[in-house]
C-alpha atoms as a PDB file:
ATOM      1  CA  UNK A   1       0.000   0.000   0.000  1.00  0.00           C
ATOM      2  CA  UNK A   2       1.413   3.376  -1.056  1.00  0.00           C
ATOM      3  CA  UNK A   3       1.578   5.823   1.860  1.00  0.00           C
ATOM      4  CA  UNK A   4       1.022   8.834  -0.390  1.00  0.00           C
ATOM      5  CA  UNK A   5      -2.130   7.263  -1.819  1.00  0.00           C
ATOM      6  CA  UNK A   6      -3.296   6.484   1.706  1.00  0.00           C
ATOM      7  CA  UNK A   7      -2.712  10.099   2.770  1.00  0.00           C
ATOM      8  CA  UNK A   8      -4.645  11.347  -0.255  1.00  0.00           C
ATOM      9  CA  UNK A   9      -7.582   9.079   0.545  1.00  0.00           C
ATOM     10  CA  UNK A  10      -7.651  10.132   4.206  1.00  0.00           C
ATOM     11  CA  UNK A  11      -7.713  13.817   3.270  1.00  0.00           C
ATOM     12  CA  UNK A  12     -10.526  13.343   0.740  1.00  0.00           C
ATOM     13  CA  UNK A  13     -12.550  11.306   3.244  1.00  0.00           C
ATOM     14  CA  UNK A  14     -12.025  13.859   6.032  1.00  0.00           C
ATOM     15  CA  UNK A  15     -12.841  16.869   3.875  1.00  0.00           C
ATOM     16  CA  UNK A  16     -15.648  15.183   1.943  1.00  0.00           C
ATOM     17  CA  UNK A  17     -14.449  16.640  -1.350  1.00  0.00           C
ATOM     18  CA  UNK A  18     -11.765  16.014  -3.959  1.00  0.00           C
ATOM     19  CA  UNK A  19     -11.689  19.741  -4.698  1.00  0.00           C
ATOM     20  CA  UNK A  20     -11.001  20.768  -1.093  1.00  0.00           C
ATOM     21  CA  UNK A  21      -8.499  17.949  -0.608  1.00  0.00           C
ATOM     22  CA  UNK A  22      -6.633  18.930  -3.769  1.00  0.00           C
ATOM     23  CA  UNK A  23      -6.380  22.492  -2.471  1.00  0.00           C
ATOM     24  CA  UNK A  24      -5.091  21.401   0.950  1.00  0.00           C
ATOM     25  CA  UNK A  25      -2.633  18.898  -0.535  1.00  0.00           C
ATOM     26  CA  UNK A  26      -1.518  21.322  -3.274  1.00  0.00           C
ATOM     27  CA  UNK A  27      -2.067  18.762  -6.013  1.00  0.00           C
ATOM     28  CA  UNK A  28      -4.105  18.856  -9.231  1.00  0.00           C
ATOM     29  CA  UNK A  29      -7.540  17.316  -8.760  1.00  0.00           C
ATOM     30  CA  UNK A  30      -7.239  14.832 -11.694  1.00  0.00           C
ATOM     31  CA  UNK A  31      -3.958  13.544 -10.264  1.00  0.00           C
ATOM     32  CA  UNK A  32      -5.545  13.202  -6.830  1.00  0.00           C
ATOM     33  CA  UNK A  33      -8.535  11.297  -8.236  1.00  0.00           C
ATOM     34  CA  UNK A  34      -6.227   8.992 -10.171  1.00  0.00           C
ATOM     35  CA  UNK A  35      -4.136   8.129  -7.096  1.00  0.00           C
ATOM     36  CA  UNK A  36      -7.197   7.368  -4.978  1.00  0.00           C
ATOM     37  CA  UNK A  37      -8.613   5.219  -7.777  1.00  0.00           C
ATOM     38  CA  UNK A  38      -5.327   3.272  -7.953  1.00  0.00           C
ATOM     39  CA  UNK A  39      -5.642   2.597  -4.221  1.00  0.00           C
ATOM     40  CA  UNK A  40      -9.190   1.297  -4.742  1.00  0.00           C
ATOM     41  CA  UNK A  41      -7.972  -0.979  -7.537  1.00  0.00           C
ATOM     42  CA  UNK A  42      -5.178  -2.345  -5.367  1.00  0.00           C
ATOM     43  CA  UNK A  43      -7.537  -3.056  -2.460  1.00  0.00           C
ATOM     44  CA  UNK A  44     -10.344  -4.262  -4.753  1.00  0.00           C
ATOM     45  CA  UNK A  45     -12.797  -2.069  -2.834  1.00  0.00           C
ATOM     46  CA  UNK A  46     -14.789   1.046  -3.605  1.00  0.00           C
ATOM     47  CA  UNK A  47     -13.662   3.421  -0.863  1.00  0.00           C
ATOM     48  CA  UNK A  48     -15.667   6.529  -1.767  1.00  0.00           C
ATOM     49  CA  UNK A  49     -19.127   7.283  -3.130  1.00  0.00           C
ATOM     50  CA  UNK A  50     -18.656  10.174  -5.536  1.00  0.00           C
ATOM     51  CA  UNK A  51     -21.562  12.540  -6.164  1.00  0.00           C
ATOM     52  CA  UNK A  52     -22.196  16.157  -7.119  1.00  0.00           C
ATOM     53  CA  UNK A  53     -21.861  17.293  -3.521  1.00  0.00           C
ATOM     54  CA  UNK A  54     -18.559  15.629  -2.791  1.00  0.00           C
ATOM     55  CA  UNK A  55     -17.234  12.219  -1.740  1.00  0.00           C
ATOM     56  CA  UNK A  56     -18.520  10.031   1.092  1.00  0.00           C
ATOM     57  CA  UNK A  57     -16.657   6.991   2.458  1.00  0.00           C
ATOM     58  CA  UNK A  58     -18.246   3.588   1.881  1.00  0.00           C
ATOM     59  CA  UNK A  59     -18.271   1.021   4.690  1.00  0.00           C
ATOM     60  CA  UNK A  60     -14.904  -0.204   3.433  1.00  0.00           C
ATOM     61  CA  UNK A  61     -13.761   3.408   3.216  1.00  0.00           C
ATOM     62  CA  UNK A  62     -14.747   4.105   6.829  1.00  0.00           C
ATOM     63  CA  UNK A  63     -12.766   1.075   7.951  1.00  0.00           C
ATOM     64  CA  UNK A  64      -9.700   2.166   5.977  1.00  0.00           C
ATOM     65  CA  UNK A  65     -10.090   5.723   7.265  1.00  0.00           C
ATOM     66  CA  UNK A  66      -9.756   4.507  10.863  1.00  0.00           C
ATOM     67  CA  UNK A  67      -6.718   2.398   9.988  1.00  0.00           C
ATOM     68  CA  UNK A  68      -5.264   5.079   7.727  1.00  0.00           C
ATOM     69  CA  UNK A  69      -5.261   7.738  10.421  1.00  0.00           C
ATOM     70  CA  UNK A  70      -3.416   5.400  12.737  1.00  0.00           C
ATOM     71  CA  UNK A  71      -0.919   4.340  10.059  1.00  0.00           C
ATOM     72  CA  UNK A  72      -0.136   7.928   9.061  1.00  0.00           C
ATOM     73  CA  UNK A  73       0.216   8.910  12.703  1.00  0.00           C
ATOM     74  CA  UNK A  74       2.685   6.090  13.272  1.00  0.00           C
ATOM     75  CA  UNK A  75       4.675   7.212  10.235  1.00  0.00           C
ATOM     76  CA  UNK A  76       4.757  10.759  11.623  1.00  0.00           C
ATOM     77  CA  UNK A  77       5.865   9.455  14.998  1.00  0.00           C
ATOM     78  CA  UNK A  78       8.647   7.459  13.321  1.00  0.00           C
ATOM     79  CA  UNK A  79       9.843  10.595  11.525  1.00  0.00           C
ATOM     80  CA  UNK A  80       9.778  12.566  14.751  1.00  0.00           C
ATOM     81  CA  UNK A  81      11.635   9.853  16.654  1.00  0.00           C
ATOM     82  CA  UNK A  82      14.306   9.818  13.971  1.00  0.00           C
ATOM     83  CA  UNK A  83      14.450  13.591  14.224  1.00  0.00           C
ATOM     84  CA  UNK A  84      14.779  13.306  17.973  1.00  0.00           C
ATOM     85  CA  UNK A  85      17.892  11.164  17.498  1.00  0.00           C
ATOM     86  CA  UNK A  86      19.543  14.215  15.957  1.00  0.00           C
ATOM     87  CA  UNK A  87      17.959  16.407  18.634  1.00  0.00           C
ATOM     88  CA  UNK A  88      15.439  18.290  16.474  1.00  0.00           C
ATOM     89  CA  UNK A  89      11.711  18.873  16.327  1.00  0.00           C
ATOM     90  CA  UNK A  90      10.610  19.398  12.731  1.00  0.00           C
ATOM     91  CA  UNK A  91       7.439  19.725  10.704  1.00  0.00           C
ATOM     92  CA  UNK A  92       4.956  22.488   9.896  1.00  0.00           C
ATOM     93  CA  UNK A  93       2.431  24.022  12.298  1.00  0.00           C
ATOM     94  CA  UNK A  94      -0.433  26.171  10.987  1.00  0.00           C
ATOM     95  CA  UNK A  95      -1.969  28.494  13.589  1.00  0.00           C
ATOM     96  CA  UNK A  96      -5.041  30.717  13.366  1.00  0.00           C
ATOM     97  CA  UNK A  97      -5.215  33.914  15.434  1.00  0.00           C
ATOM     98  CA  UNK A  98      -8.029  36.472  15.826  1.00  0.00           C
ATOM     99  CA  UNK A  99      -7.004  39.887  14.417  1.00  0.00           C
ATOM    100  CA  UNK A 100      -7.044  41.659  17.809  1.00  0.00           C
ATOM    101  CA  UNK A 101      -4.566  39.171  19.254  1.00  0.00           C
ATOM    102  CA  UNK A 102      -2.512  38.709  16.099  1.00  0.00           C
ATOM    103  CA  UNK A 103      -1.233  42.295  16.340  1.00  0.00           C
ATOM    104  CA  UNK A 104       0.247  41.806  19.819  1.00  0.00           C
ATOM    105  CA  UNK A 105       0.936  38.063  19.768  1.00  0.00           C
ATOM    106  CA  UNK A 106       2.470  37.277  16.369  1.00  0.00           C
ATOM    107  CA  UNK A 107       5.920  38.760  16.995  1.00  0.00           C
ATOM    108  CA  UNK A 108       6.597  37.172  20.433  1.00  0.00           C
ATOM    109  CA  UNK A 109       5.195  33.843  19.209  1.00  0.00           C
ATOM    110  CA  UNK A 110       7.370  33.859  16.085  1.00  0.00           C
ATOM    111  CA  UNK A 111      10.482  34.767  18.048  1.00  0.00           C
ATOM    112  CA  UNK A 112       9.913  32.028  20.622  1.00  0.00           C
ATOM    113  CA  UNK A 113       9.057  29.469  17.922  1.00  0.00           C
ATOM    114  CA  UNK A 114      12.243  30.153  15.971  1.00  0.00           C
ATOM    115  CA  UNK A 115      14.303  29.994  19.141  1.00  0.00           C
ATOM    116  CA  UNK A 116      12.847  26.755  20.520  1.00  0.00           C
ATOM    117  CA  UNK A 117      11.856  24.948  17.287  1.00  0.00           C
ATOM    118  CA  UNK A 118      14.454  26.099  14.745  1.00  0.00           C
ATOM    119  CA  UNK A 119      13.889  23.183  12.349  1.00  0.00           C
ATOM    120  CA  UNK A 120      10.098  23.496  12.317  1.00  0.00           C
ATOM    121  CA  UNK A 121       7.996  25.763  10.101  1.00  0.00           C
ATOM    122  CA  UNK A 122       5.350  28.166  11.386  1.00  0.00           C
ATOM    123  CA  UNK A 123       2.344  29.472   9.456  1.00  0.00           C
ATOM    124  CA  UNK A 124       0.061  32.117  11.028  1.00  0.00           C
ATOM    125  CA  UNK A 125      -3.335  33.100   9.615  1.00  0.00           C
ATOM    126  CA  UNK A 126      -5.707  35.791  10.875  1.00  0.00           C
ATOM    127  CA  UNK A 127      -9.417  35.067  10.900  1.00  0.00           C
ATOM    128  CA  UNK A 128     -12.723  35.155  12.740  1.00  0.00           C
ATOM    129  CA  UNK A 129     -13.463  32.371  15.215  1.00  0.00           C
ATOM    130  CA  UNK A 130     -16.067  30.683  12.982  1.00  0.00           C
ATOM    131  CA  UNK A 131     -13.683  30.511  10.018  1.00  0.00           C
ATOM    132  CA  UNK A 132     -10.798  29.263  12.156  1.00  0.00           C
ATOM    133  CA  UNK A 133     -12.962  26.547  13.691  1.00  0.00           C
ATOM    134  CA  UNK A 134     -13.812  25.388  10.175  1.00  0.00           C
ATOM    135  CA  UNK A 135     -10.097  25.420   9.393  1.00  0.00           C
ATOM    136  CA  UNK A 136      -9.461  23.029  12.280  1.00  0.00           C
ATOM    137  CA  UNK A 137     -12.166  20.682  11.055  1.00  0.00           C
ATOM    138  CA  UNK A 138     -10.986  20.569   7.445  1.00  0.00           C
ATOM    139  CA  UNK A 139      -7.292  20.281   8.294  1.00  0.00           C
ATOM    140  CA  UNK A 140      -6.068  23.685   7.083  1.00  0.00           C
ATOM    141  CA  UNK A 141      -5.188  24.678  10.655  1.00  0.00           C
ATOM    142  CA  UNK A 142      -3.453  22.682  13.379  1.00  0.00           C
ATOM    143  CA  UNK A 143      -4.192  25.145  16.187  1.00  0.00           C
ATOM    144  CA  UNK A 144      -6.458  28.147  16.634  1.00  0.00           C
ATOM    145  CA  UNK A 145      -6.981  30.742  19.343  1.00  0.00           C
ATOM    146  CA  UNK A 146     -10.741  31.213  19.717  1.00  0.00           C
ATOM    147  CA  UNK A 147     -12.986  33.590  21.632  1.00  0.00           C
ATOM    148  CA  UNK A 148     -15.760  32.041  23.771  1.00  0.00           C
ATOM    149  CA  UNK A 149     -15.425  28.690  22.032  1.00  0.00           C
ATOM    150  CA  UNK A 150     -18.182  26.142  22.565  1.00  0.00           C
ATOM    151  CA  UNK A 151     -17.020  22.521  23.002  1.00  0.00           C
ATOM    152  CA  UNK A 152     -17.879  20.083  20.229  1.00  0.00           C
ATOM    153  CA  UNK A 153     -16.671  16.465  19.864  1.00  0.00           C
ATOM    154  CA  UNK A 154     -14.327  17.255  16.965  1.00  0.00           C
ATOM    155  CA  UNK A 155     -12.418  20.024  18.743  1.00  0.00           C
ATOM    156  CA  UNK A 156     -10.429  19.931  21.965  1.00  0.00           C
ATOM    157  CA  UNK A 157     -10.149  23.148  23.980  1.00  0.00           C
ATOM    158  CA  UNK A 158      -7.672  24.349  26.580  1.00  0.00           C
ATOM    159  CA  UNK A 159      -8.096  27.662  28.448  1.00  0.00           C
ATOM    160  CA  UNK A 160      -5.560  30.428  27.840  1.00  0.00           C
ATOM    161  CA  UNK A 161      -6.747  33.630  29.557  1.00  0.00           C
ATOM    162  CA  UNK A 162      -9.606  36.081  30.001  1.00  0.00           C
ATOM    163  CA  UNK A 163     -10.008  39.557  28.544  1.00  0.00           C
ATOM    164  CA  UNK A 164     -12.130  42.447  29.766  1.00  0.00           C
ATOM    165  CA  UNK A 165     -14.531  43.905  27.203  1.00  0.00           C
ATOM    166  CA  UNK A 166     -14.873  47.689  27.226  1.00  0.00           C
ATOM    167  CA  UNK A 167     -16.925  50.412  25.599  1.00  0.00           C
ATOM    168  CA  UNK A 168     -14.950  52.201  22.887  1.00  0.00           C
ATOM    169  CA  UNK A 169     -15.993  55.681  21.726  1.00  0.00           C
ATOM    170  CA  UNK A 170     -14.394  58.445  19.680  1.00  0.00           C
ATOM    171  CA  UNK A 171     -12.374  60.862  21.777  1.00  0.00           C
ATOM    172  CA  UNK A 172     -13.693  64.406  21.573  1.00  0.00           C
ATOM    173  CA  UNK A 173     -11.205  66.960  20.202  1.00  0.00           C
ATOM    174  CA  UNK A 174      -9.207  68.546  22.990  1.00  0.00           C
ATOM    175  CA  UNK A 175     -10.415  66.051  25.589  1.00  0.00           C
ATOM    176  CA  UNK A 176      -7.684  65.297  28.112  1.00  0.00           C
ATOM    177  CA  UNK A 177      -6.748  61.681  28.717  1.00  0.00           C
ATOM    178  CA  UNK A 178      -7.071  62.026  32.504  1.00  0.00           C
ATOM    179  CA  UNK A 179      -9.149  61.447  34.474  1.00  0.00           C
ATOM    180  CA  UNK A 180     -10.473  58.278  32.783  1.00  0.00           C
ATOM    181  CA  UNK A 181     -14.223  58.201  32.167  1.00  0.00           C
ATOM    182  CA  UNK A 182     -16.303  56.269  34.713  1.00  0.00           C
ATOM    183  CA  UNK A 183     -17.636  52.776  33.927  1.00  0.00           C
ATOM    184  CA  UNK A 184     -20.981  52.453  32.187  1.00  0.00           C
ATOM    185  CA  UNK A 185     -23.742  50.053  33.221  1.00  0.00           C
ATOM    186  CA  UNK A 186     -24.636  47.417  30.655  1.00  0.00           C
ATOM    187  CA  UNK A 187     -28.263  48.604  30.693  1.00  0.00           C
ATOM    188  CA  UNK A 188     -27.124  52.127  29.733  1.00  0.00           C
ATOM    189  CA  UNK A 189     -24.874  50.742  27.005  1.00  0.00           C
ATOM    190  CA  UNK A 190     -27.962  49.191  25.407  1.00  0.00           C
ATOM    191  CA  UNK A 191     -29.125  52.689  24.393  1.00  0.00           C
ATOM    192  CA  UNK A 192     -25.922  53.562  22.519  1.00  0.00           C
ATOM    193  CA  UNK A 193     -25.672  52.904  18.743  1.00  0.00           C
ATOM    194  CA  UNK A 194     -23.141  50.105  18.319  1.00  0.00           C
ATOM    195  CA  UNK A 195     -20.845  49.193  15.460  1.00  0.00           C
ATOM    196  CA  UNK A 196     -20.631  45.449  15.995  1.00  0.00           C
ATOM    197  CA  UNK A 197     -19.842  42.234  14.064  1.00  0.00           C
ATOM    198  CA  UNK A 198     -22.688  40.241  12.552  1.00  0.00           C
ATOM    199  CA  UNK A 199     -23.931  36.943  13.956  1.00  0.00           C
ATOM    200  CA  UNK A 200     -22.614  34.361  14.763  1.00  0.00           C
ATOM    201  CA  UNK A 201     -19.515  36.304  15.833  1.00  0.00           C
ATOM    202  CA  UNK A 202     -18.588  35.269  19.395  1.00  0.00           C
ATOM    203  CA  UNK A 203     -18.385  38.839  20.698  1.00  0.00           C
ATOM    204  CA  UNK A 204     -21.756  39.762  19.148  1.00  0.00           C
ATOM    205  CA  UNK A 205     -23.417  36.701  20.679  1.00  0.00           C
ATOM    206  CA  UNK A 206     -21.915  37.450  24.110  1.00  0.00           C
ATOM    207  CA  UNK A 207     -23.140  41.061  24.100  1.00  0.00           C
ATOM    208  CA  UNK A 208     -26.643  40.030  23.060  1.00  0.00           C
ATOM    209  CA  UNK A 209     -26.785  37.213  25.620  1.00  0.00           C
ATOM    210  CA  UNK A 210     -25.591  39.362  28.526  1.00  0.00           C
ATOM    211  CA  UNK A 211     -28.060  42.110  27.634  1.00  0.00           C
ATOM    212  CA  UNK A 212     -30.910  39.624  27.300  1.00  0.00           C
ATOM    213  CA  UNK A 213     -30.106  38.378  30.797  1.00  0.00           C
ATOM    214  CA  UNK A 214     -30.931  41.833  32.198  1.00  0.00           C
ATOM    215  CA  UNK A 215     -33.962  42.364  29.967  1.00  0.00           C
ATOM    216  CA  UNK A 216     -32.584  44.599  27.219  1.00  0.00           C
ATOM    217  CA  UNK A 217     -31.022  44.353  23.790  1.00  0.00           C
ATOM    218  CA  UNK A 218     -28.326  46.276  21.897  1.00  0.00           C
ATOM    219  CA  UNK A 219     -29.007  49.147  19.544  1.00  0.00           C
ATOM    220  CA  UNK A 220     -27.251  48.160  16.316  1.00  0.00           C
ATOM    221  CA  UNK A 221     -26.050  51.037  14.135  1.00  0.00           C
ATOM    222  CA  UNK A 222     -23.814  49.056  11.766  1.00  0.00           C
ATOM    223  CA  UNK A 223     -22.800  45.407  11.358  1.00  0.00           C
ATOM    224  CA  UNK A 224     -19.129  45.221  10.395  1.00  0.00           C
ATOM    225  CA  UNK A 225     -16.987  42.064  10.384  1.00  0.00           C
ATOM    226  CA  UNK A 226     -13.524  43.445  10.978  1.00  0.00           C
ATOM    227  CA  UNK A 227     -11.936  45.056  14.031  1.00  0.00           C
ATOM    228  CA  UNK A 228      -9.941  47.632  12.067  1.00  0.00           C
ATOM    229  CA  UNK A 229     -13.023  48.737  10.154  1.00  0.00           C
ATOM    230  CA  UNK A 230     -15.064  48.925  13.364  1.00  0.00           C
ATOM    231  CA  UNK A 231     -12.456  51.161  14.998  1.00  0.00           C
ATOM    232  CA  UNK A 232     -12.244  53.393  11.920  1.00  0.00           C
ATOM    233  CA  UNK A 233     -16.023  53.895  11.983  1.00  0.00           C
ATOM    234  CA  UNK A 234     -15.993  54.607  15.723  1.00  0.00           C
ATOM    235  CA  UNK A 235     -13.265  57.218  15.177  1.00  0.00           C
ATOM    236  CA  UNK A 236     -15.509  58.841  12.554  1.00  0.00           C
ATOM    237  CA  UNK A 237     -18.353  59.061  15.058  1.00  0.00           C
ATOM    238  CA  UNK A 238     -20.547  56.412  13.417  1.00  0.00           C
ATOM    239  CA  UNK A 239     -21.226  54.715  16.732  1.00  0.00           C
ATOM    240  CA  UNK A 240     -19.580  53.020  19.701  1.00  0.00           C
ATOM    241  CA  UNK A 241     -18.093  49.539  19.969  1.00  0.00           C
ATOM    242  CA  UNK A 242     -17.612  46.783  22.520  1.00  0.00           C
ATOM    243  CA  UNK A 243     -14.113  45.381  22.142  1.00  0.00           C
ATOM    244  CA  UNK A 244     -11.200  44.151  24.220  1.00  0.00           C
ATOM    245  CA  UNK A 245      -8.597  46.566  25.554  1.00  0.00           C
ATOM    246  CA  UNK A 246      -6.046  44.785  23.378  1.00  0.00           C
ATOM    247  CA  UNK A 247      -8.029  45.729  20.278  1.00  0.00           C
ATOM    248  CA  UNK A 248      -7.713  49.415  21.124  1.00  0.00           C
ATOM    249  CA  UNK A 249      -4.138  49.267  22.401  1.00  0.00           C
ATOM    250  CA  UNK A 250      -2.952  47.521  19.225  1.00  0.00           C
ATOM    251  CA  UNK A 251      -4.827  49.863  16.856  1.00  0.00           C
ATOM    252  CA  UNK A 252      -3.050  52.380  14.652  1.00  0.00           C
ATOM    253  CA  UNK A 253      -4.405  55.369  16.644  1.00  0.00           C
ATOM    254  CA  UNK A 254      -5.206  54.306  20.224  1.00  0.00           C
ATOM    255  CA  UNK A 255      -5.291  57.958  21.288  1.00  0.00           C
ATOM    256  CA  UNK A 256      -8.316  58.497  19.020  1.00  0.00           C
ATOM    257  CA  UNK A 257     -10.560  56.573  21.406  1.00  0.00           C
ATOM    258  CA  UNK A 258     -12.033  56.828  24.861  1.00  0.00           C
ATOM    259  CA  UNK A 259     -12.248  53.505  26.697  1.00  0.00           C
ATOM    260  CA  UNK A 260     -14.791  52.904  29.464  1.00  0.00           C
ATOM    261  CA  UNK A 261     -15.250  49.851  31.635  1.00  0.00           C
ATOM    262  CA  UNK A 262     -18.589  48.023  31.624  1.00  0.00           C
ATOM    263  CA  UNK A 263     -20.313  47.000  34.838  1.00  0.00           C
ATOM    264  CA  UNK A 264     -23.557  45.544  36.211  1.00  0.00           C
ATOM    265  CA  UNK A 265     -22.473  43.052  34.962  1.00  0.00           C
ATOM    266  CA  UNK A 266     -18.900  43.333  33.721  1.00  0.00           C
ATOM    267  CA  UNK A 267     -18.208  41.682  30.381  1.00  0.00           C
ATOM    268  CA  UNK A 268     -15.285  39.280  30.139  1.00  0.00           C
ATOM    269  CA  UNK A 269     -14.457  36.985  27.275  1.00  0.00           C
ATOM    270  CA  UNK A 270     -12.561  33.692  27.511  1.00  0.00           C
ATOM    271  CA  UNK A 271      -9.833  32.805  25.050  1.00  0.00           C
ATOM    272  CA  UNK A 272      -9.175  29.147  24.260  1.00  0.00           C
ATOM    273  CA  UNK A 273      -6.507  27.191  22.438  1.00  0.00           C
ATOM    274  CA  UNK A 274      -8.268  24.793  20.083  1.00  0.00           C
ATOM    275  CA  UNK A 275      -6.981  21.708  18.266  1.00  0.00           C
ATOM    276  CA  UNK A 276      -8.589  18.869  16.360  1.00  0.00           C
ATOM    277  CA  UNK A 277      -9.513  15.829  18.423  1.00  0.00           C
ATOM    278  CA  UNK A 278      -9.643  13.795  15.202  1.00  0.00           C
ATOM    279  CA  UNK A 279      -5.923  13.997  14.454  1.00  0.00           C
ATOM    280  CA  UNK A 280      -3.305  12.930  17.018  1.00  0.00           C
ATOM    281  CA  UNK A 281      -0.933  15.734  18.038  1.00  0.00           C
ATOM    282  CA  UNK A 282       2.673  15.380  16.910  1.00  0.00           C
ATOM    283  CA  UNK A 283       5.531  16.211  19.260  1.00  0.00           C
ATOM    284  CA  UNK A 284       6.136  19.429  17.346  1.00  0.00           C
ATOM    285  CA  UNK A 285       2.490  20.381  17.743  1.00  0.00           C
ATOM    286  CA  UNK A 286       2.565  19.575  21.456  1.00  0.00           C
ATOM    287  CA  UNK A 287       5.676  21.720  21.863  1.00  0.00           C
ATOM    288  CA  UNK A 288       3.950  24.584  20.041  1.00  0.00           C
ATOM    289  CA  UNK A 289       0.906  24.321  22.288  1.00  0.00           C
ATOM    290  CA  UNK A 290       3.106  24.552  25.375  1.00  0.00           C
ATOM    291  CA  UNK A 291       4.866  27.513  23.804  1.00  0.00           C
ATOM    292  CA  UNK A 292       1.587  29.377  23.215  1.00  0.00           C
ATOM    293  CA  UNK A 293       0.362  28.671  26.738  1.00  0.00           C
ATOM    294  CA  UNK A 294       3.605  29.952  28.226  1.00  0.00           C
ATOM    295  CA  UNK A 295       3.575  33.178  26.188  1.00  0.00           C
ATOM    296  CA  UNK A 296      -0.078  33.830  27.075  1.00  0.00           C
ATOM    297  CA  UNK A 297       0.644  33.344  30.764  1.00  0.00           C
ATOM    298  CA  UNK A 298       3.524  35.834  30.560  1.00  0.00           C
ATOM    299  CA  UNK A 299       1.545  38.415  28.583  1.00  0.00           C
ATOM    300  CA  UNK A 300      -1.993  38.043  29.939  1.00  0.00           C
ATOM    301  CA  UNK A 301      -1.811  36.100  33.194  1.00  0.00           C
ATOM    302  CA  UNK A 302      -2.939  32.643  34.309  1.00  0.00           C
ATOM    303  CA  UNK A 303      -5.757  30.778  32.476  1.00  0.00           C
ATOM    304  CA  UNK A 304      -9.299  31.418  33.802  1.00  0.00           C
ATOM    305  CA  UNK A 305      -9.872  27.779  34.712  1.00  0.00           C
ATOM    306  CA  UNK A 306      -7.944  24.542  34.854  1.00  0.00           C
ATOM    307  CA  UNK A 307      -8.212  21.429  32.756  1.00  0.00           C
ATOM    308  CA  UNK A 308      -9.711  20.991  29.301  1.00  0.00           C
ATOM    309  CA  UNK A 309     -13.125  21.746  27.860  1.00  0.00           C
ATOM    310  CA  UNK A 310     -14.426  19.042  25.623  1.00  0.00           C
ATOM    311  CA  UNK A 311     -17.900  17.846  24.748  1.00  0.00           C
END
């Protein structure tokens, strides 16, 4: 059995599509289809049901998928063990970061990764939590940092830290920085026009849920999916925003905004490190996870709770 053909089959079966698998594997789709077909001929089994919506494993395909994952994992472990003989951790790790954290986290993460894993490759992508979660499921990402992640069987979560959410408004011309404005009650915030991401953005859902708990709902001025664009509109006086302090501090013009705490109740968001529970973690991936946890603890403090969150 050819290991490359086995890897191709596993990717197609996991992603449910030859097109998506060809993109992830960086191979032409006809060549991918031909290799999988050769594997079926060798095994004398139809492994996939091909239709207009994609490719679904047959019963034989499901059985080979279980074995294939284990075989490929053992091959990866063998490569890592051989690498360990020469004292190196190698391989590629693809990480997804939310834009607000990417601005303050990418540089220290890259520096630490190069220092501790010099023979490994790092890929960092910015994205919204929903898109990054999809990236974990389809194999484009190995790790992702997610806001207010909800546990599902396919994704394993580990807590990183908590962030305070604040009200962000345009600073009036000539307004002195001190004293800082007083906190605003969540019920009062409900009357302010907000520039906020569209559903199902994690921050949007948290704001709506917390307001519903006290019997009110937000006043939506604009729905914008992008932190930079939200801040630009706030600076232009188009509305206020609810964001993390990091989002403001890492913006191009932090002095353009007034930041107010939120109380009754305070809004805090949890940040999680997510990985796929369907693919065993390599030693390089485990080392990267420890690296991220250590950097977060140095920069943002201890995680909000211990253990793992998993459905």
